Amino acid sequence: MKERLMTAAIYNYSRYGYQGATMQKIAADVGIKPASIYFFFQNKEAVFVAAFQKILEDHFSQMKKIMHEAENLPIEDILSYLLYGTVTYHKGKADDTAAYISLINSPPPEIKQFLKNHMEQFDEWLILSLKTALKRDYPSSSEQQRINLTKQFLLIMDGIFWEINLYDEIKFAEQIQHAFHLTTLILRGIEDEK
């Protein structure tokens, strides 16, 4: 029931925002009375904190899964897997993505620190993961080059993430191709500096 309540909270948040996602709407979506929610959560804020944490943790778990599947591939393929995997994940979870976007734009005070910590942890994990693959494929690259490339790739991924809901399929596919081109240029920069 707790999972269903969090799913309903995310759905309502993605449609109506924090204020519009009432306990009545959440309860109605799972077929219980609003007062029954308090058996599982202390208050509305607790429902949303748990739901937001779940969104962030699920996203992180998916990225780790993608990285695990691709970790032995060439770095170009790893970057491709991460880009496509991110897009596929977010397109397949439209409510979560809408809530995630809203959460990043205006996080409730109760989850602001968790969000900051999550983003830092994600960035550190991705930097470490990609640095390892870069060192393997570009052994003469410097530590700073590997860090810079990873941070540049994070910026590309952030841009793609924000564009998921902005463009139609054709324009978005074009944007993905531009992202791959930028990734290729970044990798070529490491080769040119050898």
N, C-alpha and C. Protein backbone atom coordinates (compact mmCIF):
# COMPACT_ATOMS: atom_id res chain seq x y z
N MET A 1 0.83 -1.20 0.00
CA MET A 1 0.00 0.00 0.00
C MET A 1 0.87 1.26 0.00
N LYS A 2 1.99 1.18 0.72
CA LYS A 2 2.88 2.33 0.78
C LYS A 2 3.38 2.70 -0.62
N GLU A 3 3.77 1.68 -1.40
CA GLU A 3 4.23 1.91 -2.77
C GLU A 3 3.12 2.54 -3.62
N ARG A 4 1.92 2.03 -3.48
CA ARG A 4 0.80 2.56 -4.25
C ARG A 4 0.52 4.01 -3.88
N LEU A 5 0.64 4.34 -2.61
CA LEU A 5 0.44 5.72 -2.17
C LEU A 5 1.51 6.64 -2.75
N MET A 6 2.75 6.17 -2.76
CA MET A 6 3.83 6.99 -3.33
C MET A 6 3.62 7.18 -4.84
N THR A 7 3.19 6.12 -5.52
CA THR A 7 2.92 6.22 -6.96
C THR A 7 1.79 7.22 -7.21
N ALA A 8 0.75 7.15 -6.41
CA ALA A 8 -0.37 8.10 -6.55
C ALA A 8 0.09 9.52 -6.24
N ALA A 9 0.95 9.68 -5.26
CA ALA A 9 1.48 11.01 -4.92
C ALA A 9 2.27 11.58 -6.09
N ILE A 10 3.11 10.76 -6.69
CA ILE A 10 3.91 11.21 -7.84
C ILE A 10 3.00 11.59 -9.00
N TYR A 11 2.02 10.74 -9.27
CA TYR A 11 1.07 11.02 -10.35
C TYR A 11 0.39 12.37 -10.12
N ASN A 12 -0.14 12.57 -8.93
CA ASN A 12 -0.85 13.81 -8.63
C ASN A 12 0.08 15.02 -8.63
N TYR A 13 1.29 14.84 -8.12
CA TYR A 13 2.26 15.93 -8.11
C TYR A 13 2.61 16.33 -9.54
N SER A 14 2.78 15.33 -10.42
CA SER A 14 3.14 15.62 -11.81
C SER A 14 2.00 16.33 -12.55
N ARG A 15 0.78 16.14 -12.10
CA ARG A 15 -0.38 16.76 -12.74
C ARG A 15 -0.77 18.10 -12.12
N TYR A 16 -0.71 18.17 -10.79
CA TYR A 16 -1.29 19.32 -10.08
C TYR A 16 -0.31 20.11 -9.23
N GLY A 17 0.94 19.69 -9.15
CA GLY A 17 1.89 20.35 -8.28
C GLY A 17 1.67 19.96 -6.83
N TYR A 18 2.51 20.48 -5.98
CA TYR A 18 2.47 20.08 -4.57
C TYR A 18 1.15 20.48 -3.91
N GLN A 19 0.74 21.71 -4.11
CA GLN A 19 -0.49 22.19 -3.46
C GLN A 19 -1.73 21.47 -3.99
N GLY A 20 -1.74 21.18 -5.29
CA GLY A 20 -2.91 20.53 -5.89
C GLY A 20 -2.98 19.03 -5.66
N ALA A 21 -1.88 18.45 -5.26
CA ALA A 21 -1.85 17.00 -5.00
C ALA A 21 -2.33 16.77 -3.57
N THR A 22 -3.62 16.75 -3.42
CA THR A 22 -4.21 16.65 -2.08
C THR A 22 -4.25 15.20 -1.60
N MET A 23 -4.37 15.06 -0.29
CA MET A 23 -4.50 13.72 0.29
C MET A 23 -5.77 13.05 -0.23
N GLN A 24 -6.80 13.83 -0.50
CA GLN A 24 -8.05 13.27 -1.03
C GLN A 24 -7.81 12.64 -2.40
N LYS A 25 -7.09 13.34 -3.26
CA LYS A 25 -6.81 12.80 -4.60
C LYS A 25 -5.94 11.55 -4.52
N ILE A 26 -4.93 11.61 -3.68
CA ILE A 26 -4.03 10.46 -3.52
C ILE A 26 -4.81 9.26 -3.01
N ALA A 27 -5.61 9.47 -1.99
CA ALA A 27 -6.42 8.38 -1.41
C ALA A 27 -7.39 7.82 -2.44
N ALA A 28 -8.03 8.70 -3.19
CA ALA A 28 -9.00 8.25 -4.20
C ALA A 28 -8.33 7.37 -5.25
N ASP A 29 -7.11 7.72 -5.63
CA ASP A 29 -6.39 6.94 -6.64
C ASP A 29 -6.06 5.52 -6.19
N VAL A 30 -5.93 5.32 -4.91
CA VAL A 30 -5.62 3.97 -4.41
C VAL A 30 -6.83 3.30 -3.76
N GLY A 31 -7.95 4.01 -3.75
CA GLY A 31 -9.19 3.42 -3.25
C GLY A 31 -9.31 3.31 -1.74
N ILE A 32 -8.75 4.29 -1.04
CA ILE A 32 -8.87 4.31 0.42
C ILE A 32 -9.37 5.68 0.86
N LYS A 33 -9.69 5.81 2.13
CA LYS A 33 -10.10 7.10 2.69
C LYS A 33 -8.83 7.90 3.02
N PRO A 34 -8.89 9.22 2.89
CA PRO A 34 -7.71 10.04 3.18
C PRO A 34 -7.10 9.77 4.55
N ALA A 35 -7.92 9.54 5.55
CA ALA A 35 -7.40 9.30 6.90
C ALA A 35 -6.55 8.04 6.97
N SER A 36 -6.80 7.09 6.08
CA SER A 36 -6.03 5.84 6.08
C SER A 36 -4.57 6.05 5.68
N ILE A 37 -4.30 7.12 4.98
CA ILE A 37 -2.91 7.41 4.58
C ILE A 37 -2.03 7.56 5.82
N TYR A 38 -2.62 8.07 6.90
CA TYR A 38 -1.83 8.33 8.11
C TYR A 38 -1.40 7.06 8.83
N PHE A 39 -1.89 5.91 8.40
CA PHE A 39 -1.37 4.64 8.92
C PHE A 39 0.02 4.37 8.35
N PHE A 40 0.30 4.98 7.19
CA PHE A 40 1.55 4.72 6.48
C PHE A 40 2.52 5.89 6.54
N PHE A 41 1.98 7.10 6.60
CA PHE A 41 2.81 8.30 6.60
C PHE A 41 2.29 9.28 7.64
N GLN A 42 3.21 9.99 8.27
CA GLN A 42 2.85 10.93 9.33
C GLN A 42 2.00 12.09 8.82
N ASN A 43 2.35 12.59 7.62
CA ASN A 43 1.64 13.73 7.05
C ASN A 43 1.90 13.80 5.55
N LYS A 44 1.35 14.82 4.91
CA LYS A 44 1.50 14.97 3.46
C LYS A 44 2.97 15.11 3.08
N GLU A 45 3.71 15.89 3.84
CA GLU A 45 5.13 16.08 3.54
C GLU A 45 5.87 14.75 3.54
N ALA A 46 5.55 13.89 4.49
CA ALA A 46 6.22 12.58 4.59
C ALA A 46 5.92 11.72 3.37
N VAL A 47 4.69 11.81 2.86
CA VAL A 47 4.34 11.06 1.64
C VAL A 47 5.22 11.51 0.49
N PHE A 48 5.36 12.83 0.35
CA PHE A 48 6.11 13.35 -0.78
C PHE A 48 7.61 13.18 -0.61
N VAL A 49 8.11 13.32 0.58
CA VAL A 49 9.54 13.07 0.80
C VAL A 49 9.86 11.63 0.41
N ALA A 50 9.05 10.68 0.85
CA ALA A 50 9.27 9.27 0.50
C ALA A 50 9.15 9.05 -1.01
N ALA A 51 8.16 9.67 -1.63
CA ALA A 51 7.96 9.51 -3.08
C ALA A 51 9.13 10.10 -3.86
N PHE A 52 9.59 11.30 -3.47
CA PHE A 52 10.70 11.92 -4.16
C PHE A 52 11.98 11.12 -3.97
N GLN A 53 12.21 10.64 -2.77
CA GLN A 53 13.39 9.81 -2.53
C GLN A 53 13.35 8.57 -3.42
N LYS A 54 12.18 8.00 -3.57
CA LYS A 54 12.03 6.81 -4.42
C LYS A 54 12.35 7.15 -5.88
N ILE A 55 11.85 8.28 -6.37
CA ILE A 55 12.15 8.69 -7.75
C ILE A 55 13.66 8.81 -7.94
N LEU A 56 14.31 9.51 -7.03
CA LEU A 56 15.75 9.73 -7.15
C LEU A 56 16.53 8.43 -7.05
N GLU A 57 16.16 7.59 -6.11
CA GLU A 57 16.86 6.32 -5.93
C GLU A 57 16.62 5.37 -7.10
N ASP A 58 15.40 5.35 -7.64
CA ASP A 58 15.12 4.51 -8.81
C ASP A 58 15.93 4.96 -10.02
N HIS A 59 16.03 6.28 -10.21
CA HIS A 59 16.82 6.82 -11.31
C HIS A 59 18.29 6.41 -11.16
N PHE A 60 18.82 6.58 -9.98
CA PHE A 60 20.22 6.23 -9.72
C PHE A 60 20.44 4.74 -9.95
N SER A 61 19.54 3.92 -9.48
CA SER A 61 19.66 2.46 -9.67
C SER A 61 19.66 2.11 -11.15
N GLN A 62 18.82 2.78 -11.93
CA GLN A 62 18.77 2.51 -13.37
C GLN A 62 20.07 2.90 -14.04
N MET A 63 20.63 4.03 -13.66
CA MET A 63 21.90 4.47 -14.25
C MET A 63 23.02 3.49 -13.89
N LYS A 64 23.02 3.00 -12.66
CA LYS A 64 24.02 2.01 -12.26
C LYS A 64 23.86 0.72 -13.07
N LYS A 65 22.63 0.34 -13.31
CA LYS A 65 22.36 -0.87 -14.10
C LYS A 65 22.88 -0.70 -15.52
N ILE A 66 22.61 0.45 -16.12
CA ILE A 66 23.09 0.73 -17.47
C ILE A 66 24.61 0.69 -17.50
N MET A 67 25.23 1.32 -16.53
CA MET A 67 26.70 1.35 -16.48
C MET A 67 27.25 -0.07 -16.32
N HIS A 68 26.63 -0.85 -15.48
CA HIS A 68 27.08 -2.23 -15.26
C HIS A 68 27.01 -3.03 -16.56
N GLU A 69 25.94 -2.85 -17.33
CA GLU A 69 25.78 -3.57 -18.59
C GLU A 69 26.81 -3.14 -19.63
N ALA A 70 27.27 -1.90 -19.55
CA ALA A 70 28.16 -1.36 -20.58
C ALA A 70 29.61 -1.23 -20.15
N GLU A 71 29.93 -1.49 -18.89
CA GLU A 71 31.24 -1.13 -18.35
C GLU A 71 32.44 -1.73 -19.08
N ASN A 72 32.28 -2.85 -19.76
CA ASN A 72 33.41 -3.46 -20.46
C ASN A 72 33.48 -3.06 -21.93
N LEU A 73 32.57 -2.23 -22.36
CA LEU A 73 32.55 -1.75 -23.74
C LEU A 73 33.49 -0.55 -23.88
N PRO A 74 33.83 -0.18 -25.12
CA PRO A 74 34.62 1.04 -25.32
C PRO A 74 33.87 2.26 -24.75
N ILE A 75 34.61 3.26 -24.34
CA ILE A 75 34.02 4.43 -23.70
C ILE A 75 32.95 5.09 -24.57
N GLU A 76 33.16 5.10 -25.90
CA GLU A 76 32.16 5.68 -26.79
C GLU A 76 30.81 4.97 -26.63
N ASP A 77 30.86 3.65 -26.51
CA ASP A 77 29.64 2.87 -26.35
C ASP A 77 29.02 3.08 -24.97
N ILE A 78 29.86 3.22 -23.97
CA ILE A 78 29.35 3.48 -22.61
C ILE A 78 28.57 4.79 -22.60
N LEU A 79 29.14 5.82 -23.20
CA LEU A 79 28.47 7.12 -23.24
C LEU A 79 27.15 7.02 -24.01
N SER A 80 27.18 6.26 -25.10
CA SER A 80 25.96 6.04 -25.88
C SER A 80 24.90 5.31 -25.06
N TYR A 81 25.31 4.27 -24.37
CA TYR A 81 24.38 3.52 -23.51
C TYR A 81 23.76 4.44 -22.46
N LEU A 82 24.59 5.28 -21.85
CA LEU A 82 24.09 6.17 -20.81
C LEU A 82 23.09 7.18 -21.37
N LEU A 83 23.41 7.75 -22.53
CA LEU A 83 22.48 8.72 -23.13
C LEU A 83 21.17 8.05 -23.51
N TYR A 84 21.26 6.97 -24.27
CA TYR A 84 20.03 6.28 -24.69
C TYR A 84 19.28 5.72 -23.49
N GLY A 85 20.01 5.18 -22.54
CA GLY A 85 19.37 4.62 -21.35
C GLY A 85 18.63 5.66 -20.55
N THR A 86 19.22 6.84 -20.42
CA THR A 86 18.57 7.93 -19.70
C THR A 86 17.28 8.34 -20.40
N VAL A 87 17.37 8.50 -21.72
CA VAL A 87 16.20 8.90 -22.49
C VAL A 87 15.10 7.84 -22.39
N THR A 88 15.46 6.59 -22.60
CA THR A 88 14.48 5.50 -22.54
C THR A 88 13.82 5.43 -21.17
N TYR A 89 14.64 5.53 -20.14
CA TYR A 89 14.11 5.47 -18.78
C TYR A 89 13.11 6.59 -18.53
N HIS A 90 13.49 7.82 -18.85
CA HIS A 90 12.62 8.96 -18.56
C HIS A 90 11.38 9.01 -19.45
N LYS A 91 11.51 8.59 -20.69
CA LYS A 91 10.33 8.55 -21.55
C LYS A 91 9.35 7.47 -21.09
N GLY A 92 9.87 6.40 -20.53
CA GLY A 92 9.02 5.32 -20.05
C GLY A 92 8.37 5.60 -18.70
N LYS A 93 8.83 6.63 -18.03
CA LYS A 93 8.29 6.98 -16.71
C LYS A 93 7.90 8.46 -16.73
N ALA A 94 6.91 8.76 -17.53
CA ALA A 94 6.52 10.16 -17.75
C ALA A 94 6.12 10.88 -16.46
N ASP A 95 5.34 10.21 -15.60
CA ASP A 95 4.93 10.86 -14.35
C ASP A 95 6.12 11.13 -13.45
N ASP A 96 7.00 10.14 -13.33
CA ASP A 96 8.20 10.31 -12.51
C ASP A 96 9.06 11.44 -13.06
N THR A 97 9.20 11.48 -14.39
CA THR A 97 10.03 12.51 -15.02
C THR A 97 9.45 13.89 -14.79
N ALA A 98 8.14 14.03 -14.95
CA ALA A 98 7.49 15.33 -14.70
C ALA A 98 7.69 15.75 -13.25
N ALA A 99 7.54 14.80 -12.33
CA ALA A 99 7.75 15.11 -10.91
C ALA A 99 9.21 15.45 -10.65
N TYR A 100 10.13 14.71 -11.28
CA TYR A 100 11.57 14.94 -11.13
C TYR A 100 11.94 16.35 -11.59
N ILE A 101 11.40 16.74 -12.74
CA ILE A 101 11.67 18.08 -13.27
C ILE A 101 11.15 19.14 -12.31
N SER A 102 9.94 18.96 -11.85
CA SER A 102 9.35 19.90 -10.90
C SER A 102 10.15 19.94 -9.60
N LEU A 103 10.58 18.77 -9.16
CA LEU A 103 11.36 18.67 -7.93
C LEU A 103 12.67 19.43 -8.04
N ILE A 104 13.34 19.30 -9.16
CA ILE A 104 14.61 20.00 -9.36
C ILE A 104 14.40 21.50 -9.47
N ASN A 105 13.32 21.90 -10.15
CA ASN A 105 13.03 23.32 -10.31
C ASN A 105 12.67 24.02 -9.02
N SER A 106 11.88 23.36 -8.19
CA SER A 106 11.46 23.98 -6.93
C SER A 106 11.27 22.90 -5.87
N PRO A 107 12.39 22.44 -5.31
CA PRO A 107 12.29 21.37 -4.32
C PRO A 107 11.64 21.84 -3.02
N PRO A 108 10.75 21.02 -2.47
CA PRO A 108 10.20 21.36 -1.16
C PRO A 108 11.34 21.41 -0.14
N PRO A 109 11.27 22.30 0.84
CA PRO A 109 12.35 22.43 1.82
C PRO A 109 12.72 21.11 2.49
N GLU A 110 11.72 20.24 2.69
CA GLU A 110 11.96 18.98 3.39
C GLU A 110 12.88 18.04 2.62
N ILE A 111 13.01 18.23 1.33
CA ILE A 111 13.82 17.29 0.54
C ILE A 111 15.01 17.97 -0.14
N LYS A 112 15.14 19.27 0.06
CA LYS A 112 16.21 20.03 -0.61
C LYS A 112 17.60 19.45 -0.30
N GLN A 113 17.89 19.16 0.95
CA GLN A 113 19.20 18.62 1.31
C GLN A 113 19.39 17.21 0.74
N PHE A 114 18.34 16.39 0.80
CA PHE A 114 18.43 15.05 0.22
C PHE A 114 18.71 15.15 -1.27
N LEU A 115 18.05 16.07 -1.97
CA LEU A 115 18.25 16.26 -3.40
C LEU A 115 19.69 16.67 -3.69
N LYS A 116 20.19 17.63 -2.93
CA LYS A 116 21.57 18.09 -3.11
C LYS A 116 22.55 16.93 -2.90
N ASN A 117 22.36 16.19 -1.82
CA ASN A 117 23.24 15.04 -1.54
C ASN A 117 23.15 13.99 -2.64
N HIS A 118 21.93 13.75 -3.11
CA HIS A 118 21.73 12.76 -4.17
C HIS A 118 22.48 13.17 -5.43
N MET A 119 22.33 14.43 -5.83
CA MET A 119 22.98 14.91 -7.05
C MET A 119 24.50 14.83 -6.93
N GLU A 120 25.02 15.18 -5.78
CA GLU A 120 26.47 15.09 -5.57
C GLU A 120 26.92 13.63 -5.62
N GLN A 121 26.17 12.75 -4.99
CA GLN A 121 26.52 11.33 -4.99
C GLN A 121 26.47 10.77 -6.41
N PHE A 122 25.44 11.13 -7.17
CA PHE A 122 25.32 10.66 -8.55
C PHE A 122 26.50 11.16 -9.38
N ASP A 123 26.81 12.45 -9.28
CA ASP A 123 27.92 13.01 -10.05
C ASP A 123 29.24 12.33 -9.68
N GLU A 124 29.48 12.14 -8.39
CA GLU A 124 30.72 11.48 -7.96
C GLU A 124 30.80 10.05 -8.50
N TRP A 125 29.68 9.33 -8.44
CA TRP A 125 29.65 7.96 -8.95
C TRP A 125 29.95 7.93 -10.45
N LEU A 126 29.30 8.83 -11.20
CA LEU A 126 29.49 8.84 -12.65
C LEU A 126 30.92 9.24 -13.00
N ILE A 127 31.45 10.22 -12.30
CA ILE A 127 32.84 10.63 -12.55
C ILE A 127 33.78 9.46 -12.31
N LEU A 128 33.63 8.78 -11.20
CA LEU A 128 34.49 7.63 -10.90
C LEU A 128 34.33 6.53 -11.94
N SER A 129 33.09 6.22 -12.31
CA SER A 129 32.82 5.16 -13.28
C SER A 129 33.41 5.48 -14.65
N LEU A 130 33.20 6.69 -15.11
CA LEU A 130 33.70 7.06 -16.43
C LEU A 130 35.21 7.25 -16.43
N LYS A 131 35.75 7.76 -15.34
CA LYS A 131 37.21 7.91 -15.26
C LYS A 131 37.90 6.56 -15.43
N THR A 132 37.33 5.52 -14.84
CA THR A 132 37.90 4.18 -14.94
C THR A 132 37.91 3.72 -16.39
N ALA A 133 36.80 3.90 -17.08
CA ALA A 133 36.71 3.50 -18.49
C ALA A 133 37.62 4.36 -19.36
N LEU A 134 37.69 5.65 -19.06
CA LEU A 134 38.57 6.53 -19.83
C LEU A 134 40.04 6.16 -19.65
N LYS A 135 40.41 5.84 -18.42
CA LYS A 135 41.80 5.45 -18.16
C LYS A 135 42.13 4.17 -18.93
N ARG A 136 41.17 3.26 -19.00
CA ARG A 136 41.38 2.01 -19.73
C ARG A 136 41.54 2.27 -21.23
N ASP A 137 40.67 3.10 -21.80
CA ASP A 137 40.67 3.33 -23.25
C ASP A 137 41.64 4.43 -23.70
N TYR A 138 41.95 5.34 -22.80
CA TYR A 138 42.88 6.44 -23.10
C TYR A 138 43.93 6.49 -21.99
N PRO A 139 44.80 5.49 -21.95
CA PRO A 139 45.74 5.38 -20.82
C PRO A 139 46.69 6.57 -20.66
N SER A 140 46.94 7.29 -21.73
CA SER A 140 47.85 8.43 -21.60
C SER A 140 47.12 9.72 -21.20
N SER A 141 45.81 9.65 -21.04
CA SER A 141 45.07 10.85 -20.62
C SER A 141 45.39 11.15 -19.16
N SER A 142 45.33 12.42 -18.83
CA SER A 142 45.61 12.82 -17.45
C SER A 142 44.35 12.68 -16.60
N GLU A 143 44.54 12.67 -15.32
CA GLU A 143 43.42 12.62 -14.38
C GLU A 143 42.48 13.80 -14.62
N GLN A 144 43.04 14.98 -14.81
CA GLN A 144 42.22 16.17 -15.03
C GLN A 144 41.44 16.07 -16.33
N GLN A 145 42.04 15.53 -17.38
CA GLN A 145 41.32 15.34 -18.65
C GLN A 145 40.12 14.42 -18.45
N ARG A 146 40.32 13.36 -17.69
CA ARG A 146 39.23 12.41 -17.46
C ARG A 146 38.11 13.06 -16.65
N ILE A 147 38.48 13.83 -15.64
CA ILE A 147 37.47 14.53 -14.84
C ILE A 147 36.72 15.54 -15.72
N ASN A 148 37.47 16.31 -16.51
CA ASN A 148 36.84 17.31 -17.37
C ASN A 148 35.87 16.67 -18.36
N LEU A 149 36.30 15.58 -18.99
CA LEU A 149 35.43 14.91 -19.95
C LEU A 149 34.15 14.44 -19.28
N THR A 150 34.28 13.88 -18.10
CA THR A 150 33.10 13.38 -17.40
C THR A 150 32.16 14.52 -17.04
N LYS A 151 32.70 15.63 -16.60
CA LYS A 151 31.85 16.78 -16.27
C LYS A 151 31.18 17.35 -17.52
N GLN A 152 31.90 17.34 -18.64
CA GLN A 152 31.31 17.79 -19.90
C GLN A 152 30.18 16.86 -20.32
N PHE A 153 30.40 15.56 -20.13
CA PHE A 153 29.35 14.59 -20.46
C PHE A 153 28.13 14.78 -19.56
N LEU A 154 28.36 15.08 -18.29
CA LEU A 154 27.24 15.35 -17.38
C LEU A 154 26.41 16.54 -17.87
N LEU A 155 27.08 17.55 -18.38
CA LEU A 155 26.36 18.71 -18.93
C LEU A 155 25.52 18.30 -20.14
N ILE A 156 26.08 17.45 -20.99
CA ILE A 156 25.32 16.96 -22.15
C ILE A 156 24.10 16.17 -21.69
N MET A 157 24.31 15.28 -20.71
CA MET A 157 23.18 14.49 -20.20
C MET A 157 22.12 15.38 -19.58
N ASP A 158 22.54 16.40 -18.85
CA ASP A 158 21.58 17.34 -18.26
C ASP A 158 20.77 18.03 -19.36
N GLY A 159 21.46 18.46 -20.41
CA GLY A 159 20.76 19.11 -21.52
C GLY A 159 19.74 18.20 -22.17
N ILE A 160 20.13 16.96 -22.42
CA ILE A 160 19.21 15.99 -23.01
C ILE A 160 18.02 15.76 -22.09
N PHE A 161 18.29 15.64 -20.80
CA PHE A 161 17.21 15.43 -19.84
C PHE A 161 16.17 16.55 -19.93
N TRP A 162 16.64 17.79 -19.97
CA TRP A 162 15.71 18.91 -20.00
C TRP A 162 14.95 18.98 -21.32
N GLU A 163 15.53 18.44 -22.39
CA GLU A 163 14.88 18.50 -23.70
C GLU A 163 13.85 17.39 -23.92
N ILE A 164 13.84 16.39 -23.06
CA ILE A 164 12.93 15.25 -23.24
C ILE A 164 11.49 15.72 -23.41
N ASN A 165 11.06 16.67 -22.63
CA ASN A 165 9.67 17.15 -22.70
C ASN A 165 9.48 18.37 -23.59
N LEU A 166 10.57 18.89 -24.14
CA LEU A 166 10.45 20.12 -24.94
C LEU A 166 10.16 19.86 -26.41
N TYR A 167 10.75 18.81 -26.96
CA TYR A 167 10.70 18.61 -28.41
C TYR A 167 9.85 17.43 -28.81
N ASP A 168 9.35 17.48 -30.05
CA ASP A 168 8.66 16.32 -30.60
C ASP A 168 9.72 15.25 -30.92
N GLU A 169 9.26 14.07 -31.29
CA GLU A 169 10.17 12.93 -31.48
C GLU A 169 11.25 13.21 -32.53
N ILE A 170 10.88 13.85 -33.63
CA ILE A 170 11.84 14.10 -34.71
C ILE A 170 12.91 15.08 -34.25
N LYS A 171 12.50 16.18 -33.67
CA LYS A 171 13.45 17.19 -33.19
C LYS A 171 14.31 16.62 -32.07
N PHE A 172 13.70 15.83 -31.19
CA PHE A 172 14.46 15.26 -30.08
C PHE A 172 15.50 14.27 -30.59
N ALA A 173 15.16 13.46 -31.59
CA ALA A 173 16.12 12.52 -32.18
C ALA A 173 17.31 13.29 -32.76
N GLU A 174 17.02 14.43 -33.35
CA GLU A 174 18.07 15.29 -33.89
C GLU A 174 18.97 15.80 -32.75
N GLN A 175 18.36 16.18 -31.65
CA GLN A 175 19.13 16.66 -30.50
C GLN A 175 20.04 15.55 -29.94
N ILE A 176 19.54 14.33 -29.94
CA ILE A 176 20.35 13.19 -29.48
C ILE A 176 21.57 13.04 -30.37
N GLN A 177 21.38 13.18 -31.67
CA GLN A 177 22.51 13.07 -32.60
C GLN A 177 23.54 14.18 -32.34
N HIS A 178 23.05 15.37 -32.04
CA HIS A 178 23.98 16.46 -31.70
C HIS A 178 24.74 16.13 -30.41
N ALA A 179 24.06 15.52 -29.46
CA ALA A 179 24.71 15.13 -28.20
C ALA A 179 25.82 14.12 -28.48
N PHE A 180 25.55 13.15 -29.35
CA PHE A 180 26.58 12.16 -29.69
C PHE A 180 27.76 12.83 -30.40
N HIS A 181 27.45 13.79 -31.25
CA HIS A 181 28.51 14.51 -31.95
C HIS A 181 29.39 15.26 -30.94
N LEU A 182 28.76 15.93 -29.99
CA LEU A 182 29.53 16.63 -28.95
C LEU A 182 30.40 15.66 -28.16
N THR A 183 29.84 14.50 -27.84
CA THR A 183 30.59 13.49 -27.10
C THR A 183 31.82 13.05 -27.90
N THR A 184 31.63 12.85 -29.20
CA THR A 184 32.75 12.47 -30.08
C THR A 184 33.82 13.56 -30.09
N LEU A 185 33.39 14.81 -30.16
CA LEU A 185 34.35 15.92 -30.15
C LEU A 185 35.12 15.98 -28.84
N ILE A 186 34.44 15.73 -27.74
CA ILE A 186 35.11 15.74 -26.44
C ILE A 186 36.16 14.64 -26.39
N LEU A 187 35.80 13.46 -26.84
CA LEU A 187 36.77 12.35 -26.85
C LEU A 187 37.93 12.64 -27.80
N ARG A 188 37.63 13.25 -28.93
CA ARG A 188 38.68 13.61 -29.88
C ARG A 188 39.65 14.62 -29.25
N GLY A 189 39.12 15.46 -28.36
CA GLY A 189 39.97 16.42 -27.66
C GLY A 189 41.03 15.72 -26.82
N ILE A 190 40.68 14.61 -26.21
CA ILE A 190 41.66 13.85 -25.43
C ILE A 190 42.72 13.29 -26.37
N GLU A 191 42.30 12.78 -27.53
CA GLU A 191 43.25 12.22 -28.49
C GLU A 191 44.19 13.30 -29.01
N ASP A 192 43.65 14.49 -29.28
CA ASP A 192 44.45 15.58 -29.82
C ASP A 192 45.48 16.09 -28.82
N GLU A 193 45.20 15.94 -27.53
CA GLU A 193 46.12 16.44 -26.50
C GLU A 193 47.25 15.46 -26.22
N LYS A 194 47.21 14.27 -26.82
CA LYS A 194 48.26 13.27 -26.57
C LYS A 194 49.61 13.76 -27.06
